[in-house]
């Protein structure tokens, strides 16, 4: 028989979620309007295709990616969608008020929804670090906090460091990973005894997680080029992201088989490490003019991510007391840092070779990368402390990695 449903969820979750949605509707009613300007149909179709790809990547890719836990697959997929739609609404309003508020209205464009979806993906990346260790109420509280922190960081970078939209958005990997890890550290430094049996993958859920990996792999080029306006830069971004992903896939598969005594491939490595190339090449994908460099980045990212998947969980659990459920650190953080450093190096070389007057831009990007780390750690720590309050948990201890704490299963005699 499952545990009694926590009263804090039964009462507070509907109230908080409905109050949040009612607030969104109120703000949308008084302060937003649709863009009525006539646009070129070709441009509109291109924007819609990019928006479609990003949405599939967020809803299906990120949702299924974290569904490999044997007793937490329902929650992984459904909670991701719930958090995504909350995050998109809040990100759309926040970006509008911070950047595009004029004449008392926020004008909603298709590009605005695409940008909000990309911003909301920060929550889904962070979710991987605390998957199965936080209830839906805690996650619903985390959404506006993280989206606010990420949007504020982007605004600061844009206004004070003159970082363009593409480079600004590519900080999402580093920011989200460290935000999620910091929240995970605050929520539960060590897992309670008896949870190890549930914190395992199973064949069917693992297959669904691989489906999420395939969605992300397929649509990652669209994500990396979504905010680039120059056609040549978009073309370079698509090509380079594909080559980096291809090489990281080969590398992750090979290293996984190499690391096993009997040459068997670890599906966990495939879920995560094959995506490392897309993360590593994200910031600099438009600057790379030859495929070999993107392939080198994919190779190094695949090595780092595979090695991290093999070694870091033990180090995190035993030394730091930090449990990273879905391997956010070696999937997004390490490749994201590699990508940020690569961007700075390439920008420095480009300025040196062309004798461009933008001599301080690489310094500004270094500051922006440092800003992403500071914002993520500080906001993640404060969010973790807030979510750790008993008001979100109720008198009952949360059931870790268990769908039975949140879902009613019709085929069972006993309701949960």
Protein backbone atom coordinates (compact mmCIF):
# COMPACT_ATOMS: atom_id res chain seq x y z
CA UNK A 1 0.00 0.00 0.00
CA UNK A 2 1.33 3.43 -0.85
CA UNK A 3 1.88 6.20 1.63
CA UNK A 4 -0.86 8.60 2.57
CA UNK A 5 -1.00 11.52 0.21
CA UNK A 6 0.69 14.54 1.82
CA UNK A 7 -1.91 17.12 2.91
CA UNK A 8 0.37 19.95 1.80
CA UNK A 9 0.09 18.67 -1.77
CA UNK A 10 -3.60 17.84 -1.60
CA UNK A 11 -4.51 21.36 -0.47
CA UNK A 12 -1.61 23.69 -1.33
CA UNK A 13 -0.74 22.42 -4.80
CA UNK A 14 -4.14 23.13 -6.42
CA UNK A 15 -4.40 26.47 -4.65
CA UNK A 16 -0.90 27.60 -5.64
CA UNK A 17 -1.16 26.40 -9.24
CA UNK A 18 -4.63 27.85 -9.84
CA UNK A 19 -3.74 31.12 -8.14
CA UNK A 20 -0.63 31.37 -10.31
CA UNK A 21 -2.64 30.66 -13.45
CA UNK A 22 -5.35 33.16 -12.46
CA UNK A 23 -2.64 35.78 -11.95
CA UNK A 24 -1.24 35.05 -15.40
CA UNK A 25 -4.68 35.40 -16.99
CA UNK A 26 -5.24 38.71 -15.18
CA UNK A 27 -1.89 40.12 -16.36
CA UNK A 28 -2.39 38.88 -19.91
CA UNK A 29 -5.84 40.52 -19.99
CA UNK A 30 -4.65 43.98 -18.95
CA UNK A 31 -1.06 44.20 -20.17
CA UNK A 32 -0.61 42.17 -23.36
CA UNK A 33 -1.67 42.33 -26.98
CA UNK A 34 -0.88 40.41 -30.15
CA UNK A 35 1.45 41.75 -32.81
CA UNK A 36 -0.77 43.04 -35.63
CA UNK A 37 1.96 44.08 -38.06
CA UNK A 38 2.02 42.35 -41.44
CA UNK A 39 5.10 40.21 -41.98
CA UNK A 40 6.62 38.37 -44.86
CA UNK A 41 5.03 34.92 -45.00
CA UNK A 42 8.40 33.25 -45.63
CA UNK A 43 9.86 34.85 -42.50
CA UNK A 44 6.79 33.83 -40.51
CA UNK A 45 7.08 30.21 -41.68
CA UNK A 46 10.78 30.09 -40.80
CA UNK A 47 10.07 31.47 -37.34
CA UNK A 48 7.25 28.98 -36.83
CA UNK A 49 9.45 26.05 -37.87
CA UNK A 50 12.10 27.13 -35.38
CA UNK A 51 9.44 27.56 -32.68
CA UNK A 52 8.05 24.11 -33.48
CA UNK A 53 11.47 22.48 -33.21
CA UNK A 54 12.23 24.16 -29.88
CA UNK A 55 8.84 23.14 -28.48
CA UNK A 56 9.29 19.49 -29.52
CA UNK A 57 12.75 19.55 -28.00
CA UNK A 58 11.42 20.94 -24.71
CA UNK A 59 8.17 18.99 -24.34
CA UNK A 60 9.18 15.61 -25.75
CA UNK A 61 12.96 15.62 -25.57
CA UNK A 62 13.46 16.96 -22.06
CA UNK A 63 10.33 15.20 -20.81
CA UNK A 64 11.30 11.71 -21.92
CA UNK A 65 15.02 12.15 -21.24
CA UNK A 66 14.46 11.96 -17.49
CA UNK A 67 12.00 9.04 -17.61
CA UNK A 68 14.47 6.19 -17.11
CA UNK A 69 13.81 5.65 -13.39
CA UNK A 70 11.97 2.38 -12.89
CA UNK A 71 9.27 3.80 -10.58
CA UNK A 72 9.22 7.46 -11.58
CA UNK A 73 8.57 7.53 -15.33
CA UNK A 74 5.01 8.93 -15.12
CA UNK A 75 6.07 11.86 -12.98
CA UNK A 76 9.16 12.57 -15.08
CA UNK A 77 7.17 13.12 -18.28
CA UNK A 78 4.03 14.78 -16.89
CA UNK A 79 5.78 17.06 -14.41
CA UNK A 80 8.09 18.31 -17.17
CA UNK A 81 5.13 19.42 -19.29
CA UNK A 82 3.43 21.05 -16.28
CA UNK A 83 6.56 23.02 -15.40
CA UNK A 84 7.24 23.92 -19.04
CA UNK A 85 3.86 25.59 -19.62
CA UNK A 86 4.06 27.48 -16.34
CA UNK A 87 7.57 28.62 -17.19
CA UNK A 88 6.69 29.74 -20.71
CA UNK A 89 3.83 31.95 -19.48
CA UNK A 90 5.95 33.59 -16.81
CA UNK A 91 9.00 33.98 -19.08
CA UNK A 92 6.84 35.62 -21.76
CA UNK A 93 5.51 38.20 -19.32
CA UNK A 94 8.85 38.77 -17.63
CA UNK A 95 10.77 39.28 -20.88
CA UNK A 96 8.04 41.61 -22.07
CA UNK A 97 8.08 43.77 -18.96
CA UNK A 98 11.88 43.86 -18.79
CA UNK A 99 12.60 44.46 -22.47
CA UNK A 100 9.54 45.15 -24.65
CA UNK A 101 7.09 47.10 -22.48
CA UNK A 102 5.80 50.19 -24.26
CA UNK A 103 2.54 52.14 -24.20
CA UNK A 104 1.36 50.05 -21.27
CA UNK A 105 1.36 46.77 -23.26
CA UNK A 106 3.57 43.80 -23.92
CA UNK A 107 3.34 42.97 -27.62
CA UNK A 108 3.35 39.20 -28.12
CA UNK A 109 5.11 37.93 -31.22
CA UNK A 110 5.84 34.38 -32.33
CA UNK A 111 9.50 35.05 -31.60
CA UNK A 112 8.53 36.08 -28.06
CA UNK A 113 6.92 32.68 -27.40
CA UNK A 114 9.95 30.91 -28.88
CA UNK A 115 12.30 32.88 -26.63
CA UNK A 116 10.07 32.18 -23.61
CA UNK A 117 10.12 28.46 -24.40
CA UNK A 118 13.90 28.49 -24.56
CA UNK A 119 14.07 30.33 -21.23
CA UNK A 120 11.64 27.87 -19.63
CA UNK A 121 13.92 25.01 -20.67
CA UNK A 122 16.26 26.19 -17.90
CA UNK A 123 13.75 24.71 -15.42
CA UNK A 124 13.66 21.37 -17.26
CA UNK A 125 17.46 21.10 -17.27
CA UNK A 126 17.64 21.91 -13.54
CA UNK A 127 14.83 19.43 -12.89
CA UNK A 128 17.20 16.61 -13.83
CA UNK A 129 19.30 17.24 -10.73
CA UNK A 130 16.38 17.05 -8.29
CA UNK A 131 14.22 14.54 -10.14
CA UNK A 132 12.34 12.30 -7.72
CA UNK A 133 13.43 14.25 -4.63
CA UNK A 134 10.99 17.17 -4.78
CA UNK A 135 7.20 17.08 -4.93
CA UNK A 136 5.18 18.92 -7.55
CA UNK A 137 4.35 21.78 -5.19
CA UNK A 138 8.04 22.47 -4.61
CA UNK A 139 8.69 22.33 -8.35
CA UNK A 140 5.80 24.70 -9.09
CA UNK A 141 7.30 27.18 -6.62
CA UNK A 142 10.73 26.77 -8.22
CA UNK A 143 9.51 27.68 -11.73
CA UNK A 144 8.92 31.44 -11.31
CA UNK A 145 12.03 31.76 -9.13
CA UNK A 146 14.40 30.16 -11.63
CA UNK A 147 12.87 31.79 -14.70
CA UNK A 148 13.12 35.18 -12.95
CA UNK A 149 16.78 34.60 -12.09
CA UNK A 150 17.64 33.44 -15.62
CA UNK A 151 15.77 36.29 -17.33
CA UNK A 152 17.35 38.85 -14.99
CA UNK A 153 20.80 37.47 -15.77
CA UNK A 154 20.12 37.74 -19.49
CA UNK A 155 18.89 41.31 -19.10
CA UNK A 156 22.02 42.31 -17.14
CA UNK A 157 24.29 40.71 -19.74
CA UNK A 158 22.45 42.41 -22.58
CA UNK A 159 22.30 45.89 -21.06
CA UNK A 160 25.60 46.16 -19.24
CA UNK A 161 27.85 43.71 -21.09
CA UNK A 162 26.31 44.06 -24.59
CA UNK A 163 26.05 40.28 -25.03
CA UNK A 164 23.92 39.32 -28.04
CA UNK A 165 20.82 37.13 -27.74
CA UNK A 166 22.46 33.97 -29.04
CA UNK A 167 25.48 34.03 -26.72
CA UNK A 168 23.20 35.10 -23.89
CA UNK A 169 20.87 32.14 -24.35
CA UNK A 170 23.76 29.66 -24.60
CA UNK A 171 24.48 30.37 -20.92
CA UNK A 172 21.39 28.29 -20.22
CA UNK A 173 23.42 25.08 -19.96
CA UNK A 174 25.82 26.31 -17.28
CA UNK A 175 23.22 28.36 -15.41
CA UNK A 176 20.60 25.59 -15.26
CA UNK A 177 23.03 22.86 -14.28
CA UNK A 178 24.53 24.74 -11.36
CA UNK A 179 21.13 26.06 -10.28
CA UNK A 180 19.72 22.53 -10.15
CA UNK A 181 22.78 21.10 -8.38
CA UNK A 182 22.67 23.84 -5.74
CA UNK A 183 18.97 23.23 -5.12
CA UNK A 184 19.63 19.49 -4.89
CA UNK A 185 22.37 20.11 -2.33
CA UNK A 186 20.00 22.17 -0.19
CA UNK A 187 17.07 19.76 -0.45
CA UNK A 188 18.77 16.56 0.60
CA UNK A 189 22.49 16.21 1.06
CA UNK A 190 22.17 12.46 1.51
CA UNK A 191 19.29 10.26 0.40
CA UNK A 192 17.36 8.38 3.10
CA UNK A 193 18.07 4.69 3.46
CA UNK A 194 15.92 2.42 1.32
CA UNK A 195 15.82 4.71 -1.72
CA UNK A 196 18.67 3.05 -3.64
CA UNK A 197 16.37 0.30 -4.90
CA UNK A 198 14.06 2.86 -6.54
CA UNK A 199 16.88 4.98 -7.94
CA UNK A 200 17.52 2.55 -10.77
CA UNK A 201 16.67 2.32 -14.42
CA UNK A 202 14.51 -0.35 -16.03
CA UNK A 203 14.23 -1.60 -19.59
CA UNK A 204 10.94 0.00 -20.65
CA UNK A 205 11.47 3.42 -18.97
CA UNK A 206 15.04 3.45 -20.26
CA UNK A 207 13.73 2.96 -23.79
CA UNK A 208 11.45 6.00 -23.35
CA UNK A 209 14.44 7.98 -22.08
CA UNK A 210 16.29 7.02 -25.24
CA UNK A 211 13.32 8.38 -27.19
CA UNK A 212 13.85 11.70 -25.42
CA UNK A 213 17.54 11.58 -26.35
CA UNK A 214 16.62 11.03 -30.00
CA UNK A 215 14.24 14.03 -29.99
CA UNK A 216 16.91 16.24 -28.44
CA UNK A 217 19.59 14.94 -30.81
CA UNK A 218 17.41 15.62 -33.85
CA UNK A 219 16.31 19.12 -32.91
CA UNK A 220 19.44 20.44 -31.19
CA UNK A 221 20.69 22.21 -34.35
CA UNK A 222 17.45 24.20 -34.41
CA UNK A 223 17.93 25.24 -30.78
CA UNK A 224 21.52 26.38 -31.34
CA UNK A 225 20.65 28.48 -34.40
CA UNK A 226 17.25 29.77 -33.28
CA UNK A 227 18.44 33.27 -32.28
CA UNK A 228 20.91 33.84 -35.12
CA UNK A 229 19.75 36.28 -37.81
CA UNK A 230 22.54 36.07 -40.37
CA UNK A 231 21.88 33.24 -42.90
CA UNK A 232 25.54 32.19 -43.04
CA UNK A 233 25.77 32.05 -39.27
CA UNK A 234 22.60 29.95 -39.09
CA UNK A 235 24.00 27.58 -41.72
CA UNK A 236 27.29 27.23 -39.83
CA UNK A 237 25.41 26.64 -36.58
CA UNK A 238 23.33 23.81 -38.07
CA UNK A 239 26.31 22.09 -39.71
CA UNK A 240 28.60 22.40 -36.71
CA UNK A 241 25.98 21.24 -34.21
CA UNK A 242 25.28 18.17 -36.32
CA UNK A 243 28.97 17.25 -36.62
CA UNK A 244 29.59 17.78 -32.91
CA UNK A 245 26.58 15.62 -32.00
CA UNK A 246 27.66 12.90 -34.43
CA UNK A 247 31.17 12.67 -33.00
CA UNK A 248 30.02 12.80 -29.37
CA UNK A 249 27.64 9.91 -30.14
CA UNK A 250 30.43 7.74 -31.54
CA UNK A 251 32.75 8.74 -28.69
CA UNK A 252 30.23 8.08 -25.93
CA UNK A 253 29.29 4.67 -27.31
CA UNK A 254 32.92 3.63 -27.75
CA UNK A 255 34.08 4.86 -24.33
CA UNK A 256 31.11 3.21 -22.63
CA UNK A 257 32.01 -0.16 -24.14
CA UNK A 258 35.70 0.41 -23.37
CA UNK A 259 35.03 1.18 -19.71
CA UNK A 260 33.08 -2.04 -19.09
CA UNK A 261 35.11 -5.19 -18.28
CA UNK A 262 33.07 -7.21 -20.79
CA UNK A 263 32.72 -4.48 -23.39
CA UNK A 264 29.03 -3.81 -22.70
CA UNK A 265 27.47 -0.43 -23.38
CA UNK A 266 25.90 1.50 -20.51
CA UNK A 267 22.56 2.99 -21.58
CA UNK A 268 22.97 5.83 -19.06
CA UNK A 269 26.02 7.01 -20.99
CA UNK A 270 24.05 6.94 -24.21
CA UNK A 271 21.16 8.89 -22.70
CA UNK A 272 23.43 11.75 -21.72
CA UNK A 273 26.89 11.75 -23.25
CA UNK A 274 25.71 11.62 -26.88
CA UNK A 275 24.15 15.07 -26.33
CA UNK A 276 27.33 16.64 -24.93
CA UNK A 277 28.50 17.72 -28.38
CA UNK A 278 25.41 19.86 -28.92
CA UNK A 279 25.99 21.59 -25.59
CA UNK A 280 29.71 22.16 -26.13
CA UNK A 281 29.33 23.68 -29.58
CA UNK A 282 26.30 25.85 -28.68
CA UNK A 283 27.99 29.17 -27.98
CA UNK A 284 30.54 29.05 -30.80
CA UNK A 285 28.59 27.11 -33.46
CA UNK A 286 28.23 30.16 -35.71
CA UNK A 287 31.92 31.13 -35.50
CA UNK A 288 33.36 27.77 -36.57
CA UNK A 289 34.11 27.83 -40.29
CA UNK A 290 35.34 24.24 -40.70
CA UNK A 291 33.75 20.97 -39.54
CA UNK A 292 36.93 19.52 -38.02
CA UNK A 293 36.86 21.93 -35.07
CA UNK A 294 33.23 21.10 -34.31
CA UNK A 295 34.14 17.44 -34.47
CA UNK A 296 37.03 17.96 -32.03
CA UNK A 297 34.65 19.71 -29.65
CA UNK A 298 32.19 16.82 -29.95
CA UNK A 299 34.99 14.35 -29.28
CA UNK A 300 36.25 16.16 -26.17
CA UNK A 301 32.71 16.72 -24.88
CA UNK A 302 31.88 13.04 -25.38
CA UNK A 303 35.00 12.03 -23.45
CA UNK A 304 34.28 14.45 -20.60
CA UNK A 305 30.64 13.46 -20.33
CA UNK A 306 31.35 9.71 -20.49
CA UNK A 307 34.11 9.96 -17.89
CA UNK A 308 31.84 12.06 -15.71
CA UNK A 309 29.03 9.53 -15.96
CA UNK A 310 31.44 6.81 -14.87
CA UNK A 311 33.24 8.60 -12.01
CA UNK A 312 31.31 11.63 -10.76
CA UNK A 313 28.22 9.94 -9.20
CA UNK A 314 30.41 8.14 -6.66
CA UNK A 315 32.40 11.30 -5.94
CA UNK A 316 29.27 13.43 -5.56
CA UNK A 317 27.42 10.94 -3.35
CA UNK A 318 30.26 9.98 -1.03
CA UNK A 319 32.36 13.14 -0.85
CA UNK A 320 29.87 16.00 -1.33
CA UNK A 321 26.70 14.20 -0.23
CA UNK A 322 25.08 15.49 -3.42
CA UNK A 323 22.81 13.28 -5.51
CA UNK A 324 22.47 14.31 -9.17
CA UNK A 325 19.58 12.15 -10.38
CA UNK A 326 19.93 12.50 -14.15
CA UNK A 327 23.59 13.47 -14.47
CA UNK A 328 23.03 17.16 -15.13
CA UNK A 329 26.61 17.99 -14.16
CA UNK A 330 28.32 15.85 -16.78
CA UNK A 331 25.60 16.31 -19.42
CA UNK A 332 25.19 20.09 -19.35
CA UNK A 333 27.60 21.76 -16.91
CA UNK A 334 30.99 20.41 -18.00
CA UNK A 335 30.26 20.54 -21.77
CA UNK A 336 28.68 23.98 -21.24
CA UNK A 337 31.86 25.27 -19.57
CA UNK A 338 33.91 23.76 -22.40
CA UNK A 339 31.69 25.57 -24.90
CA UNK A 340 31.99 28.89 -23.07
CA UNK A 341 35.78 28.70 -22.92
CA UNK A 342 35.93 27.69 -26.59
CA UNK A 343 33.81 30.69 -27.55
CA UNK A 344 36.15 33.06 -25.72
CA UNK A 345 39.22 31.53 -27.41
CA UNK A 346 37.66 31.64 -30.89
CA UNK A 347 36.50 35.21 -30.37
CA UNK A 348 39.98 36.24 -29.25
CA UNK A 349 41.58 34.58 -32.29
CA UNK A 350 39.02 36.14 -34.63
CA UNK A 351 39.70 39.60 -33.25
CA UNK A 352 43.45 39.02 -33.45
CA UNK A 353 43.37 37.78 -37.05
CA UNK A 354 41.00 40.43 -38.37
CA UNK A 355 42.45 43.22 -36.20
CA UNK A 356 38.90 44.09 -35.20
CA UNK A 357 38.35 47.04 -32.90
CA UNK A 358 36.20 44.93 -30.53
CA UNK A 359 39.24 44.23 -28.34
CA UNK A 360 37.31 44.02 -25.11
CA UNK A 361 34.47 41.80 -26.22
CA UNK A 362 36.14 38.56 -25.18
CA UNK A 363 36.65 40.06 -21.72
CA UNK A 364 32.96 40.94 -21.57
CA UNK A 365 32.00 37.39 -22.50
CA UNK A 366 34.30 36.07 -19.77
CA UNK A 367 32.43 38.29 -17.35
CA UNK A 368 29.10 37.01 -18.71
CA UNK A 369 30.16 33.40 -18.14
CA UNK A 370 31.23 34.28 -14.62
CA UNK A 371 27.89 36.07 -14.17
CA UNK A 372 26.04 32.89 -15.15
CA UNK A 373 27.90 30.93 -12.48
CA UNK A 374 27.30 33.54 -9.78
CA UNK A 375 23.60 34.00 -10.62
CA UNK A 376 22.98 30.25 -10.73
CA UNK A 377 24.74 29.48 -7.45
CA UNK A 378 23.21 32.37 -5.49
CA UNK A 379 19.67 32.00 -6.84
CA UNK A 380 19.86 28.20 -6.59
CA UNK A 381 20.99 28.37 -2.98
CA UNK A 382 18.20 30.77 -2.00
CA UNK A 383 15.63 28.70 -3.89
CA UNK A 384 16.88 25.51 -2.25
CA UNK A 385 16.58 27.03 1.21
CA UNK A 386 13.03 28.17 0.43
CA UNK A 387 11.96 24.79 -0.97
CA UNK A 388 13.43 23.04 2.06
CA UNK A 389 10.88 24.67 4.36
CA UNK A 390 8.38 22.26 5.90
CA UNK A 391 5.38 24.15 4.54
CA UNK A 392 6.03 22.61 1.10
CA UNK A 393 6.45 19.09 2.43
CA UNK A 394 3.78 18.69 5.09
CA UNK A 395 4.13 16.36 8.09
CA UNK A 396 4.94 13.32 5.92
CA UNK A 397 8.33 12.57 4.47
CA UNK A 398 8.43 12.75 0.68
CA UNK A 399 8.53 9.38 -1.07
CA UNK A 400 11.64 9.50 -3.22
CA UNK A 401 11.60 8.24 -6.83
CA UNK A 402 8.06 6.86 -6.54
CA UNK A 403 5.07 7.61 -8.77
CA UNK A 404 2.73 6.20 -6.12
CA UNK A 405 3.11 9.36 -4.06
CA UNK A 406 1.55 11.47 -6.83
CA UNK A 407 -0.61 9.35 -9.16
CA UNK A 408 -3.77 7.30 -8.99
CA UNK A 409 -3.33 3.99 -10.76
CA UNK A 410 -6.72 2.72 -12.03
CA UNK A 411 -5.56 -0.90 -12.27
CA UNK A 412 -4.75 -1.09 -8.56
CA UNK A 413 -7.34 -1.88 -5.92
CA UNK A 414 -6.01 0.72 -3.53
CA UNK A 415 -5.96 4.38 -4.46
CA UNK A 416 -2.98 6.60 -3.69
